[in-house]
Amino acid sequence: MELLHLFDPVGFWRIDLDTSHTYVSAGNAALFGKSSSSGPINVAEYCERIHPDDLDRFLNALEQAAREKTSYNVCYRLVIRGKEIAVQTIGRYRTSQGTSGEIIGITIRQPQQPEVPV
């Protein structure tokens, strides 16, 4: 865990495909400019932080991973407090005994991309 702090902010998350409940780590909440929560998050509030030009691409990658039981890697922009922040999400389908499975992933801020006022 100590090593992970060198790469802050790093966010982990998972989506239960049966319930659509989405759980995020404190790091993921921080990337999206949200408070951390131990329960399921409001996905709509998180999607509002994704740049409108990138939202469909992001959602399509998630849907494809769930449908085809595969992985994905998508770069997109968040808009937090009037600034664009470039991030990358890598996710994959994972089986879960007795369920339809889940999508798990990691989101990182792309360090080479500076914040850009919008």
PDB file of N, CA and C in Angstrom:
ATOM      1  N   MET A   1       0.814  -1.195   0.000  1.00  0.00           N
ATOM      2  CA  MET A   1       0.000   0.000   0.000  1.00  0.00           C
ATOM      3  C   MET A   1       0.857   1.259   0.000  1.00  0.00           C
ATOM      4  N   GLU A   2       1.998   1.189   0.644  1.00  0.00           N
ATOM      5  CA  GLU A   2       2.860   2.360   0.707  1.00  0.00           C
ATOM      6  C   GLU A   2       3.275   2.808  -0.687  1.00  0.00           C
ATOM      7  N   LEU A   3       3.538   1.851  -1.563  1.00  0.00           N
ATOM      8  CA  LEU A   3       3.948   2.155  -2.930  1.00  0.00           C
ATOM      9  C   LEU A   3       2.843   2.891  -3.688  1.00  0.00           C
ATOM     10  N   LEU A   4       1.588   2.539  -3.434  1.00  0.00           N
ATOM     11  CA  LEU A   4       0.474   3.189  -4.125  1.00  0.00           C
ATOM     12  C   LEU A   4       0.437   4.688  -3.884  1.00  0.00           C
ATOM     13  N   HIS A   5       0.852   5.127  -2.709  1.00  0.00           N
ATOM     14  CA  HIS A   5       0.823   6.553  -2.395  1.00  0.00           C
ATOM     15  C   HIS A   5       1.757   7.357  -3.292  1.00  0.00           C
ATOM     16  N   LEU A   6       2.761   6.692  -3.871  1.00  0.00           N
ATOM     17  CA  LEU A   6       3.649   7.379  -4.798  1.00  0.00           C
ATOM     18  C   LEU A   6       2.930   7.752  -6.088  1.00  0.00           C
ATOM     19  N   PHE A   7       1.835   7.057  -6.390  1.00  0.00           N
ATOM     20  CA  PHE A   7       1.112   7.263  -7.634  1.00  0.00           C
ATOM     21  C   PHE A   7      -0.223   7.979  -7.427  1.00  0.00           C
ATOM     22  N   ASP A   8      -0.430   8.589  -6.266  1.00  0.00           N
ATOM     23  CA  ASP A   8      -1.672   9.315  -6.001  1.00  0.00           C
ATOM     24  C   ASP A   8      -1.872  10.406  -7.045  1.00  0.00           C
ATOM     25  N   PRO A   9      -3.093  10.635  -7.440  1.00  0.00           N
ATOM     26  CA  PRO A   9      -4.280   9.898  -7.026  1.00  0.00           C
ATOM     27  C   PRO A   9      -4.509   8.661  -7.904  1.00  0.00           C
ATOM     28  N   VAL A  10      -4.863   7.560  -7.273  1.00  0.00           N
ATOM     29  CA  VAL A  10      -5.221   6.312  -7.942  1.00  0.00           C
ATOM     30  C   VAL A  10      -6.587   5.910  -7.426  1.00  0.00           C
ATOM     31  N   GLY A  11      -7.475   5.544  -8.324  1.00  0.00           N
ATOM     32  CA  GLY A  11      -8.810   5.157  -7.905  1.00  0.00           C
ATOM     33  C   GLY A  11      -9.152   3.745  -8.342  1.00  0.00           C
ATOM     34  N   PHE A  12      -9.733   2.989  -7.427  1.00  0.00           N
ATOM     35  CA  PHE A  12     -10.207   1.647  -7.728  1.00  0.00           C
ATOM     36  C   PHE A  12     -11.725   1.651  -7.625  1.00  0.00           C
ATOM     37  N   TRP A  13     -12.384   0.795  -8.386  1.00  0.00           N
ATOM     38  CA  TRP A  13     -13.842   0.759  -8.366  1.00  0.00           C
ATOM     39  C   TRP A  13     -14.347  -0.591  -8.852  1.00  0.00           C
ATOM     40  N   ARG A  14     -15.619  -0.862  -8.571  1.00  0.00           N
ATOM     41  CA  ARG A  14     -16.257  -2.066  -9.114  1.00  0.00           C
ATOM     42  C   ARG A  14     -17.748  -1.809  -9.280  1.00  0.00           C
ATOM     43  N   ILE A  15     -18.322  -2.452 -10.297  1.00  0.00           N
ATOM     44  CA  ILE A  15     -19.745  -2.340 -10.597  1.00  0.00           C
ATOM     45  C   ILE A  15     -20.346  -3.728 -10.540  1.00  0.00           C
ATOM     46  N   ASP A  16     -21.341  -3.934  -9.696  1.00  0.00           N
ATOM     47  CA  ASP A  16     -22.090  -5.182  -9.620  1.00  0.00           C
ATOM     48  C   ASP A  16     -23.088  -5.175 -10.778  1.00  0.00           C
ATOM     49  N   LEU A  17     -22.956  -6.102 -11.719  1.00  0.00           N
ATOM     50  CA  LEU A  17     -23.797  -6.088 -12.909  1.00  0.00           C
ATOM     51  C   LEU A  17     -25.250  -6.458 -12.630  1.00  0.00           C
ATOM     52  N   ASP A  18     -25.521  -7.161 -11.544  1.00  0.00           N
ATOM     53  CA  ASP A  18     -26.911  -7.498 -11.213  1.00  0.00           C
ATOM     54  C   ASP A  18     -27.663  -6.314 -10.630  1.00  0.00           C
ATOM     55  N   THR A  19     -27.006  -5.546  -9.786  1.00  0.00           N
ATOM     56  CA  THR A  19     -27.675  -4.444  -9.090  1.00  0.00           C
ATOM     57  C   THR A  19     -27.319  -3.073  -9.659  1.00  0.00           C
ATOM     58  N   SER A  20     -26.278  -3.003 -10.470  1.00  0.00           N
ATOM     59  CA  SER A  20     -25.707  -1.751 -10.980  1.00  0.00           C
ATOM     60  C   SER A  20     -25.104  -0.892  -9.870  1.00  0.00           C
ATOM     61  N   HIS A  21     -24.991  -1.450  -8.664  1.00  0.00           N
ATOM     62  CA  HIS A  21     -24.338  -0.706  -7.589  1.00  0.00           C
ATOM     63  C   HIS A  21     -22.865  -0.550  -7.936  1.00  0.00           C
ATOM     64  N   THR A  22     -22.368   0.659  -7.734  1.00  0.00           N
ATOM     65  CA  THR A  22     -20.980   0.984  -8.034  1.00  0.00           C
ATOM     66  C   THR A  22     -20.303   1.452  -6.763  1.00  0.00           C
ATOM     67  N   TYR A  23     -19.152   0.863  -6.486  1.00  0.00           N
ATOM     68  CA  TYR A  23     -18.383   1.191  -5.286  1.00  0.00           C
ATOM     69  C   TYR A  23     -17.038   1.738  -5.724  1.00  0.00           C
ATOM     70  N   VAL A  24     -16.577   2.801  -5.071  1.00  0.00           N
ATOM     71  CA  VAL A  24     -15.301   3.417  -5.435  1.00  0.00           C
ATOM     72  C   VAL A  24     -14.428   3.603  -4.199  1.00  0.00           C
ATOM     73  N   SER A  25     -13.126   3.618  -4.446  1.00  0.00           N
ATOM     74  CA  SER A  25     -12.173   3.888  -3.365  1.00  0.00           C
ATOM     75  C   SER A  25     -12.140   5.387  -3.090  1.00  0.00           C
ATOM     76  N   ALA A  26     -11.530   5.749  -1.984  1.00  0.00           N
ATOM     77  CA  ALA A  26     -11.358   7.168  -1.652  1.00  0.00           C
ATOM     78  C   ALA A  26     -10.553   7.877  -2.740  1.00  0.00           C
ATOM     79  N   GLY A  27      -9.576   7.187  -3.309  1.00  0.00           N
ATOM     80  CA  GLY A  27      -8.778   7.778  -4.379  1.00  0.00           C
ATOM     81  C   GLY A  27      -9.602   8.074  -5.620  1.00  0.00           C
ATOM     82  N   ASN A  28     -10.521   7.177  -5.947  1.00  0.00           N
ATOM     83  CA  ASN A  28     -11.382   7.407  -7.099  1.00  0.00           C
ATOM     84  C   ASN A  28     -12.314   8.588  -6.839  1.00  0.00           C
ATOM     85  N   ALA A  29     -12.867   8.642  -5.630  1.00  0.00           N
ATOM     86  CA  ALA A  29     -13.725   9.776  -5.271  1.00  0.00           C
ATOM     87  C   ALA A  29     -12.946  11.083  -5.396  1.00  0.00           C
ATOM     88  N   ALA A  30     -11.702  11.100  -4.925  1.00  0.00           N
ATOM     89  CA  ALA A  30     -10.872  12.306  -4.996  1.00  0.00           C
ATOM     90  C   ALA A  30     -10.617  12.725  -6.443  1.00  0.00           C
ATOM     91  N   LEU A  31     -10.343  11.757  -7.332  1.00  0.00           N
ATOM     92  CA  LEU A  31     -10.125  12.082  -8.742  1.00  0.00           C
ATOM     93  C   LEU A  31     -11.327  12.810  -9.334  1.00  0.00           C
ATOM     94  N   PHE A  32     -12.523  12.388  -8.921  1.00  0.00           N
ATOM     95  CA  PHE A  32     -13.759  12.961  -9.447  1.00  0.00           C
ATOM     96  C   PHE A  32     -14.223  14.175  -8.639  1.00  0.00           C
ATOM     97  N   GLY A  33     -13.421  14.591  -7.655  1.00  0.00           N
ATOM     98  CA  GLY A  33     -13.783  15.749  -6.858  1.00  0.00           C
ATOM     99  C   GLY A  33     -14.975  15.505  -5.958  1.00  0.00           C
ATOM    100  N   LYS A  34     -15.132  14.255  -5.506  1.00  0.00           N
ATOM    101  CA  LYS A  34     -16.265  13.872  -4.671  1.00  0.00           C
ATOM    102  C   LYS A  34     -15.766  13.430  -3.293  1.00  0.00           C
ATOM    103  N   SER A  35     -16.677  13.372  -2.341  1.00  0.00           N
ATOM    104  CA  SER A  35     -16.368  12.834  -1.015  1.00  0.00           C
ATOM    105  C   SER A  35     -16.416  11.317  -1.085  1.00  0.00           C
ATOM    106  N   SER A  36     -15.591  10.654  -0.282  1.00  0.00           N
ATOM    107  CA  SER A  36     -15.600   9.193  -0.288  1.00  0.00           C
ATOM    108  C   SER A  36     -16.818   8.667   0.457  1.00  0.00           C
ATOM    109  N   SER A  37     -17.205   7.450   0.099  1.00  0.00           N
ATOM    110  CA  SER A  37     -18.385   6.816   0.675  1.00  0.00           C
ATOM    111  C   SER A  37     -18.124   5.324   0.799  1.00  0.00           C
ATOM    112  N   SER A  38     -18.654   4.704   1.842  1.00  0.00           N
ATOM    113  CA  SER A  38     -18.467   3.259   1.994  1.00  0.00           C
ATOM    114  C   SER A  38     -19.539   2.484   1.250  1.00  0.00           C
ATOM    115  N   GLY A  39     -20.617   3.134   0.872  1.00  0.00           N
ATOM    116  CA  GLY A  39     -21.705   2.464   0.157  1.00  0.00           C
ATOM    117  C   GLY A  39     -21.661   2.760  -1.323  1.00  0.00           C
ATOM    118  N   PRO A  40     -22.685   2.319  -2.041  1.00  0.00           N
ATOM    119  CA  PRO A  40     -22.742   2.593  -3.480  1.00  0.00           C
ATOM    120  C   PRO A  40     -22.811   4.097  -3.748  1.00  0.00           C
ATOM    121  N   ILE A  41     -22.242   4.495  -4.859  1.00  0.00           N
ATOM    122  CA  ILE A  41     -22.218   5.914  -5.231  1.00  0.00           C
ATOM    123  C   ILE A  41     -23.370   6.229  -6.176  1.00  0.00           C
ATOM    124  N   ASN A  42     -23.621   7.512  -6.381  1.00  0.00           N
ATOM    125  CA  ASN A  42     -24.576   7.976  -7.368  1.00  0.00           C
ATOM    126  C   ASN A  42     -23.815   8.112  -8.691  1.00  0.00           C
ATOM    127  N   VAL A  43     -23.997   7.152  -9.579  1.00  0.00           N
ATOM    128  CA  VAL A  43     -23.241   7.114 -10.833  1.00  0.00           C
ATOM    129  C   VAL A  43     -23.514   8.356 -11.684  1.00  0.00           C
ATOM    130  N   ALA A  44     -24.744   8.840 -11.673  1.00  0.00           N
ATOM    131  CA  ALA A  44     -25.086  10.022 -12.475  1.00  0.00           C
ATOM    132  C   ALA A  44     -24.234  11.219 -12.060  1.00  0.00           C
ATOM    133  N   GLU A  45     -24.004  11.386 -10.754  1.00  0.00           N
ATOM    134  CA  GLU A  45     -23.173  12.498 -10.286  1.00  0.00           C
ATOM    135  C   GLU A  45     -21.736  12.360 -10.776  1.00  0.00           C
ATOM    136  N   TYR A  46     -21.235  11.137 -10.834  1.00  0.00           N
ATOM    137  CA  TYR A  46     -19.879  10.921 -11.333  1.00  0.00           C
ATOM    138  C   TYR A  46     -19.820  11.175 -12.833  1.00  0.00           C
ATOM    139  N   CYS A  47     -20.835  10.712 -13.575  1.00  0.00           N
ATOM    140  CA  CYS A  47     -20.858  10.904 -15.024  1.00  0.00           C
ATOM    141  C   CYS A  47     -20.930  12.381 -15.390  1.00  0.00           C
ATOM    142  N   GLU A  48     -21.536  13.194 -14.542  1.00  0.00           N
ATOM    143  CA  GLU A  48     -21.592  14.639 -14.786  1.00  0.00           C
ATOM    144  C   GLU A  48     -20.203  15.261 -14.801  1.00  0.00           C
ATOM    145  N   ARG A  49     -19.231  14.595 -14.185  1.00  0.00           N
ATOM    146  CA  ARG A  49     -17.860  15.119 -14.132  1.00  0.00           C
ATOM    147  C   ARG A  49     -17.054  14.747 -15.379  1.00  0.00           C
ATOM    148  N   ILE A  50     -17.562  13.821 -16.187  1.00  0.00           N
ATOM    149  CA  ILE A  50     -16.861  13.422 -17.414  1.00  0.00           C
ATOM    150  C   ILE A  50     -17.186  14.429 -18.507  1.00  0.00           C
ATOM    151  N   HIS A  51     -16.163  14.862 -19.228  1.00  0.00           N
ATOM    152  CA  HIS A  51     -16.349  15.840 -20.298  1.00  0.00           C
ATOM    153  C   HIS A  51     -17.437  15.326 -21.253  1.00  0.00           C
ATOM    154  N   PRO A  52     -18.384  16.188 -21.630  1.00  0.00           N
ATOM    155  CA  PRO A  52     -19.492  15.747 -22.497  1.00  0.00           C
ATOM    156  C   PRO A  52     -19.038  15.091 -23.803  1.00  0.00           C
ATOM    157  N   ASP A  53     -17.915  15.535 -24.362  1.00  0.00           N
ATOM    158  CA  ASP A  53     -17.414  14.938 -25.601  1.00  0.00           C
ATOM    159  C   ASP A  53     -16.842  13.539 -25.390  1.00  0.00           C
ATOM    160  N   ASP A  54     -16.570  13.163 -24.143  1.00  0.00           N
ATOM    161  CA  ASP A  54     -15.954  11.865 -23.834  1.00  0.00           C
ATOM    162  C   ASP A  54     -16.923  10.872 -23.201  1.00  0.00           C
ATOM    163  N   LEU A  55     -18.065  11.330 -22.752  1.00  0.00           N
ATOM    164  CA  LEU A  55     -18.969  10.480 -21.966  1.00  0.00           C
ATOM    165  C   LEU A  55     -19.451   9.258 -22.740  1.00  0.00           C
ATOM    166  N   ASP A  56     -19.898   9.426 -23.984  1.00  0.00           N
ATOM    167  CA  ASP A  56     -20.389   8.270 -24.755  1.00  0.00           C
ATOM    168  C   ASP A  56     -19.308   7.216 -24.932  1.00  0.00           C
ATOM    169  N   ARG A  57     -18.076   7.653 -25.232  1.00  0.00           N
ATOM    170  CA  ARG A  57     -16.965   6.707 -25.417  1.00  0.00           C
ATOM    171  C   ARG A  57     -16.699   5.926 -24.132  1.00  0.00           C
ATOM    172  N   PHE A  58     -16.734   6.637 -23.002  1.00  0.00           N
ATOM    173  CA  PHE A  58     -16.526   5.996 -21.706  1.00  0.00           C
ATOM    174  C   PHE A  58     -17.625   4.970 -21.426  1.00  0.00           C
ATOM    175  N   LEU A  59     -18.888   5.372 -21.590  1.00  0.00           N
ATOM    176  CA  LEU A  59     -20.009   4.467 -21.312  1.00  0.00           C
ATOM    177  C   LEU A  59     -20.035   3.286 -22.268  1.00  0.00           C
ATOM    178  N   ASN A  60     -19.697   3.514 -23.536  1.00  0.00           N
ATOM    179  CA  ASN A  60     -19.657   2.413 -24.502  1.00  0.00           C
ATOM    180  C   ASN A  60     -18.598   1.383 -24.136  1.00  0.00           C
ATOM    181  N   ALA A  61     -17.460   1.839 -23.630  1.00  0.00           N
ATOM    182  CA  ALA A  61     -16.401   0.909 -23.212  1.00  0.00           C
ATOM    183  C   ALA A  61     -16.883   0.035 -22.054  1.00  0.00           C
ATOM    184  N   LEU A  62     -17.565   0.648 -21.088  1.00  0.00           N
ATOM    185  CA  LEU A  62     -18.122  -0.118 -19.969  1.00  0.00           C
ATOM    186  C   LEU A  62     -19.144  -1.143 -20.440  1.00  0.00           C
ATOM    187  N   GLU A  63     -20.070  -0.704 -21.276  1.00  0.00           N
ATOM    188  CA  GLU A  63     -21.122  -1.589 -21.778  1.00  0.00           C
ATOM    189  C   GLU A  63     -20.553  -2.752 -22.571  1.00  0.00           C
ATOM    190  N   GLN A  64     -19.561  -2.472 -23.395  1.00  0.00           N
ATOM    191  CA  GLN A  64     -18.940  -3.521 -24.196  1.00  0.00           C
ATOM    192  C   GLN A  64     -18.230  -4.544 -23.296  1.00  0.00           C
ATOM    193  N   ALA A  65     -17.546  -4.076 -22.281  1.00  0.00           N
ATOM    194  CA  ALA A  65     -16.854  -4.988 -21.366  1.00  0.00           C
ATOM    195  C   ALA A  65     -17.858  -5.905 -20.666  1.00  0.00           C
ATOM    196  N   ALA A  66     -18.999  -5.361 -20.259  1.00  0.00           N
ATOM    197  CA  ALA A  66     -20.023  -6.175 -19.590  1.00  0.00           C
ATOM    198  C   ALA A  66     -20.647  -7.169 -20.560  1.00  0.00           C
ATOM    199  N   ARG A  67     -20.966  -6.708 -21.755  1.00  0.00           N
ATOM    200  CA  ARG A  67     -21.643  -7.548 -22.752  1.00  0.00           C
ATOM    201  C   ARG A  67     -20.733  -8.655 -23.274  1.00  0.00           C
ATOM    202  N   GLU A  68     -19.484  -8.311 -23.566  1.00  0.00           N
ATOM    203  CA  GLU A  68     -18.560  -9.263 -24.189  1.00  0.00           C
ATOM    204  C   GLU A  68     -17.639  -9.945 -23.182  1.00  0.00           C
ATOM    205  N   LYS A  69     -17.796  -9.580 -21.905  1.00  0.00           N
ATOM    206  CA  LYS A  69     -16.971 -10.166 -20.837  1.00  0.00           C
ATOM    207  C   LYS A  69     -15.490 -10.033 -21.173  1.00  0.00           C
ATOM    208  N   THR A  70     -15.099  -8.785 -21.357  1.00  0.00           N
ATOM    209  CA  THR A  70     -13.739  -8.485 -21.786  1.00  0.00           C
ATOM    210  C   THR A  70     -13.175  -7.318 -20.982  1.00  0.00           C
ATOM    211  N   SER A  71     -12.061  -6.776 -21.423  1.00  0.00           N
ATOM    212  CA  SER A  71     -11.438  -5.637 -20.742  1.00  0.00           C
ATOM    213  C   SER A  71     -11.481  -4.418 -21.646  1.00  0.00           C
ATOM    214  N   TYR A  72     -11.122  -3.269 -21.074  1.00  0.00           N
ATOM    215  CA  TYR A  72     -11.053  -2.052 -21.860  1.00  0.00           C
ATOM    216  C   TYR A  72     -10.048  -1.095 -21.243  1.00  0.00           C
ATOM    217  N   ASN A  73      -9.652  -0.118 -22.051  1.00  0.00           N
ATOM    218  CA  ASN A  73      -8.704   0.908 -21.651  1.00  0.00           C
ATOM    219  C   ASN A  73      -9.168   2.184 -22.343  1.00  0.00           C
ATOM    220  N   VAL A  74      -9.588   3.174 -21.596  1.00  0.00           N
ATOM    221  CA  VAL A  74     -10.118   4.394 -22.195  1.00  0.00           C
ATOM    222  C   VAL A  74      -9.531   5.624 -21.503  1.00  0.00           C
ATOM    223  N   CYS A  75      -9.128   6.590 -22.320  1.00  0.00           N
ATOM    224  CA  CYS A  75      -8.658   7.880 -21.817  1.00  0.00           C
ATOM    225  C   CYS A  75      -9.771   8.895 -22.040  1.00  0.00           C
ATOM    226  N   TYR A  76      -9.969   9.758 -21.072  1.00  0.00           N
ATOM    227  CA  TYR A  76     -11.023  10.760 -21.171  1.00  0.00           C
ATOM    228  C   TYR A  76     -10.687  11.913 -20.247  1.00  0.00           C
ATOM    229  N   ARG A  77     -11.528  12.931 -20.285  1.00  0.00           N
ATOM    230  CA  ARG A  77     -11.294  14.120 -19.474  1.00  0.00           C
ATOM    231  C   ARG A  77     -12.392  14.271 -18.435  1.00  0.00           C
ATOM    232  N   LEU A  78     -11.982  14.682 -17.261  1.00  0.00           N
ATOM    233  CA  LEU A  78     -12.922  15.090 -16.221  1.00  0.00           C
ATOM    234  C   LEU A  78     -12.945  16.608 -16.214  1.00  0.00           C
ATOM    235  N   VAL A  79     -14.069  17.176 -15.837  1.00  0.00           N
ATOM    236  CA  VAL A  79     -14.153  18.623 -15.651  1.00  0.00           C
ATOM    237  C   VAL A  79     -14.471  18.843 -14.178  1.00  0.00           C
ATOM    238  N   ILE A  80     -13.471  19.328 -13.444  1.00  0.00           N
ATOM    239  CA  ILE A  80     -13.574  19.533 -12.006  1.00  0.00           C
ATOM    240  C   ILE A  80     -13.263  21.003 -11.712  1.00  0.00           C
ATOM    241  N   ARG A  81     -14.209  21.672 -11.088  1.00  0.00           N
ATOM    242  CA  ARG A  81     -14.043  23.085 -10.723  1.00  0.00           C
ATOM    243  C   ARG A  81     -13.507  23.936 -11.878  1.00  0.00           C
ATOM    244  N   GLY A  82     -14.084  23.720 -13.070  1.00  0.00           N
ATOM    245  CA  GLY A  82     -13.730  24.526 -14.229  1.00  0.00           C
ATOM    246  C   GLY A  82     -12.436  24.158 -14.924  1.00  0.00           C
ATOM    247  N   LYS A  83     -11.812  23.049 -14.547  1.00  0.00           N
ATOM    248  CA  LYS A  83     -10.565  22.625 -15.181  1.00  0.00           C
ATOM    249  C   LYS A  83     -10.721  21.215 -15.734  1.00  0.00           C
ATOM    250  N   GLU A  84     -10.087  20.993 -16.899  1.00  0.00           N
ATOM    251  CA  GLU A  84     -10.058  19.647 -17.480  1.00  0.00           C
ATOM    252  C   GLU A  84      -8.895  18.868 -16.891  1.00  0.00           C
ATOM    253  N   ILE A  85      -9.160  17.623 -16.537  1.00  0.00           N
ATOM    254  CA  ILE A  85      -8.137  16.735 -15.991  1.00  0.00           C
ATOM    255  C   ILE A  85      -8.161  15.452 -16.818  1.00  0.00           C
ATOM    256  N   ALA A  86      -7.040  15.113 -17.445  1.00  0.00           N
ATOM    257  CA  ALA A  86      -6.951  13.908 -18.261  1.00  0.00           C
ATOM    258  C   ALA A  86      -6.745  12.692 -17.359  1.00  0.00           C
ATOM    259  N   VAL A  87      -7.576  11.664 -17.553  1.00  0.00           N
ATOM    260  CA  VAL A  87      -7.467  10.436 -16.781  1.00  0.00           C
ATOM    261  C   VAL A  87      -7.522   9.232 -17.719  1.00  0.00           C
ATOM    262  N   GLN A  88      -7.158   8.103 -17.176  1.00  0.00           N
ATOM    263  CA  GLN A  88      -7.205   6.839 -17.905  1.00  0.00           C
ATOM    264  C   GLN A  88      -7.849   5.811 -17.004  1.00  0.00           C
ATOM    265  N   THR A  89      -8.791   5.046 -17.564  1.00  0.00           N
ATOM    266  CA  THR A  89      -9.424   3.968 -16.821  1.00  0.00           C
ATOM    267  C   THR A  89      -9.157   2.658 -17.540  1.00  0.00           C
ATOM    268  N   ILE A  90      -8.709   1.678 -16.778  1.00  0.00           N
ATOM    269  CA  ILE A  90      -8.511   0.327 -17.284  1.00  0.00           C
ATOM    270  C   ILE A  90      -9.446  -0.557 -16.477  1.00  0.00           C
ATOM    271  N   GLY A  91     -10.327  -1.266 -17.162  1.00  0.00           N
ATOM    272  CA  GLY A  91     -11.292  -2.104 -16.473  1.00  0.00           C
ATOM    273  C   GLY A  91     -11.429  -3.449 -17.146  1.00  0.00           C
ATOM    274  N   ARG A  92     -12.062  -4.376 -16.433  1.00  0.00           N
ATOM    275  CA  ARG A  92     -12.294  -5.694 -17.028  1.00  0.00           C
ATOM    276  C   ARG A  92     -13.474  -6.371 -16.355  1.00  0.00           C
ATOM    277  N   TYR A  93     -14.071  -7.286 -17.095  1.00  0.00           N
ATOM    278  CA  TYR A  93     -15.138  -8.119 -16.556  1.00  0.00           C
ATOM    279  C   TYR A  93     -14.520  -9.151 -15.631  1.00  0.00           C
ATOM    280  N   ARG A  94     -15.222  -9.445 -14.534  1.00  0.00           N
ATOM    281  CA  ARG A  94     -14.778 -10.486 -13.608  1.00  0.00           C
ATOM    282  C   ARG A  94     -15.990 -11.312 -13.215  1.00  0.00           C
ATOM    283  N   THR A  95     -15.831 -12.628 -13.258  1.00  0.00           N
ATOM    284  CA  THR A  95     -16.929 -13.489 -12.828  1.00  0.00           C
ATOM    285  C   THR A  95     -17.069 -13.402 -11.315  1.00  0.00           C
ATOM    286  N   SER A  96     -18.284 -13.593 -10.864  1.00  0.00           N
ATOM    287  CA  SER A  96     -18.584 -13.596  -9.435  1.00  0.00           C
ATOM    288  C   SER A  96     -19.619 -14.690  -9.213  1.00  0.00           C
ATOM    289  N   GLN A  97     -19.258 -15.715  -8.478  1.00  0.00           N
ATOM    290  CA  GLN A  97     -20.080 -16.912  -8.278  1.00  0.00           C
ATOM    291  C   GLN A  97     -21.536 -16.556  -7.969  1.00  0.00           C
ATOM    292  N   GLY A  98     -22.455 -17.149  -8.727  1.00  0.00           N
ATOM    293  CA  GLY A  98     -23.876 -16.964  -8.473  1.00  0.00           C
ATOM    294  C   GLY A  98     -24.453 -15.636  -8.941  1.00  0.00           C
ATOM    295  N   THR A  99     -23.670 -14.852  -9.691  1.00  0.00           N
ATOM    296  CA  THR A  99     -24.146 -13.546 -10.181  1.00  0.00           C
ATOM    297  C   THR A  99     -23.818 -13.406 -11.669  1.00  0.00           C
ATOM    298  N   SER A 100     -24.234 -12.300 -12.230  1.00  0.00           N
ATOM    299  CA  SER A 100     -23.901 -11.996 -13.628  1.00  0.00           C
ATOM    300  C   SER A 100     -22.471 -11.490 -13.775  1.00  0.00           C
ATOM    301  N   GLY A 101     -21.801 -11.271 -12.661  1.00  0.00           N
ATOM    302  CA  GLY A 101     -20.421 -10.801 -12.682  1.00  0.00           C
ATOM    303  C   GLY A 101     -20.328  -9.337 -12.315  1.00  0.00           C
ATOM    304  N   GLU A 102     -19.130  -8.804 -12.504  1.00  0.00           N
ATOM    305  CA  GLU A 102     -18.890  -7.402 -12.181  1.00  0.00           C
ATOM    306  C   GLU A 102     -17.805  -6.856 -13.089  1.00  0.00           C
ATOM    307  N   ILE A 103     -17.757  -5.543 -13.159  1.00  0.00           N
ATOM    308  CA  ILE A 103     -16.677  -4.854 -13.858  1.00  0.00           C
ATOM    309  C   ILE A 103     -15.822  -4.207 -12.776  1.00  0.00           C
ATOM    310  N   ILE A 104     -14.529  -4.447 -12.836  1.00  0.00           N
ATOM    311  CA  ILE A 104     -13.604  -3.863 -11.866  1.00  0.00           C
ATOM    312  C   ILE A 104     -12.587  -3.023 -12.627  1.00  0.00           C
ATOM    313  N   GLY A 105     -11.998  -2.051 -11.944  1.00  0.00           N
ATOM    314  CA  GLY A 105     -11.019  -1.257 -12.658  1.00  0.00           C
ATOM    315  C   GLY A 105     -10.236  -0.302 -11.790  1.00  0.00           C
ATOM    316  N   ILE A 106      -9.366   0.394 -12.469  1.00  0.00           N
ATOM    317  CA  ILE A 106      -8.493   1.385 -11.858  1.00  0.00           C
ATOM    318  C   ILE A 106      -8.550   2.646 -12.723  1.00  0.00           C
ATOM    319  N   THR A 107      -8.546   3.795 -12.082  1.00  0.00           N
ATOM    320  CA  THR A 107      -8.508   5.076 -12.785  1.00  0.00           C
ATOM    321  C   THR A 107      -7.322   5.864 -12.255  1.00  0.00           C
ATOM    322  N   ILE A 108      -6.527   6.387 -13.171  1.00  0.00           N
ATOM    323  CA  ILE A 108      -5.360   7.183 -12.791  1.00  0.00           C
ATOM    324  C   ILE A 108      -5.385   8.514 -13.524  1.00  0.00           C
ATOM    325  N   ARG A 109      -4.832   9.499 -12.887  1.00  0.00           N
ATOM    326  CA  ARG A 109      -4.654  10.799 -13.542  1.00  0.00           C
ATOM    327  C   ARG A 109      -3.444  10.688 -14.440  1.00  0.00           C
ATOM    328  N   GLN A 110      -3.538  11.218 -15.624  1.00  0.00           N
ATOM    329  CA  GLN A 110      -2.416  11.173 -16.542  1.00  0.00           C
ATOM    330  C   GLN A 110      -1.469  12.311 -16.192  1.00  0.00           C
ATOM    331  N   PRO A 111      -0.319  11.999 -15.580  1.00  0.00           N
ATOM    332  CA  PRO A 111       0.567  13.031 -15.034  1.00  0.00           C
ATOM    333  C   PRO A 111       1.144  13.981 -16.061  1.00  0.00           C
ATOM    334  N   GLN A 112       1.286  13.528 -17.311  1.00  0.00           N
ATOM    335  CA  GLN A 112       1.880  14.413 -18.313  1.00  0.00           C
ATOM    336  C   GLN A 112       0.912  15.468 -18.800  1.00  0.00           C
ATOM    337  N   GLN A 113      -0.351  15.384 -18.397  1.00  0.00           N
ATOM    338  CA  GLN A 113      -1.363  16.327 -18.850  1.00  0.00           C
ATOM    339  C   GLN A 113      -1.622  17.378 -17.762  1.00  0.00           C
ATOM    340  N   PRO A 114      -1.319  18.633 -18.031  1.00  0.00           N
ATOM    341  CA  PRO A 114      -1.612  19.670 -17.031  1.00  0.00           C
ATOM    342  C   PRO A 114      -3.110  19.983 -16.996  1.00  0.00           C
ATOM    343  N   GLU A 115      -3.555  20.595 -15.919  1.00  0.00           N
ATOM    344  CA  GLU A 115      -4.934  21.060 -15.846  1.00  0.00           C
ATOM    345  C   GLU A 115      -5.072  22.219 -16.829  1.00  0.00           C
ATOM    346  N   VAL A 116      -6.177  22.233 -17.556  1.00  0.00           N
ATOM    347  CA  VAL A 116      -6.421  23.264 -18.548  1.00  0.00           C
ATOM    348  C   VAL A 116      -7.727  23.975 -18.186  1.00  0.00           C
ATOM    349  N   PRO A 117      -7.693  25.294 -18.009  1.00  0.00           N
ATOM    350  CA  PRO A 117      -8.946  26.012 -17.725  1.00  0.00           C
ATOM    351  C   PRO A 117      -9.915  25.853 -18.886  1.00  0.00           C
ATOM    352  N   VAL A 118     -11.210  25.680 -18.558  1.00  0.00           N
ATOM    353  CA  VAL A 118     -12.237  25.567 -19.614  1.00  0.00           C
ATOM    354  C   VAL A 118     -13.104  26.794 -19.629  1.00  0.00           C
TER     355      VAL A 118
END
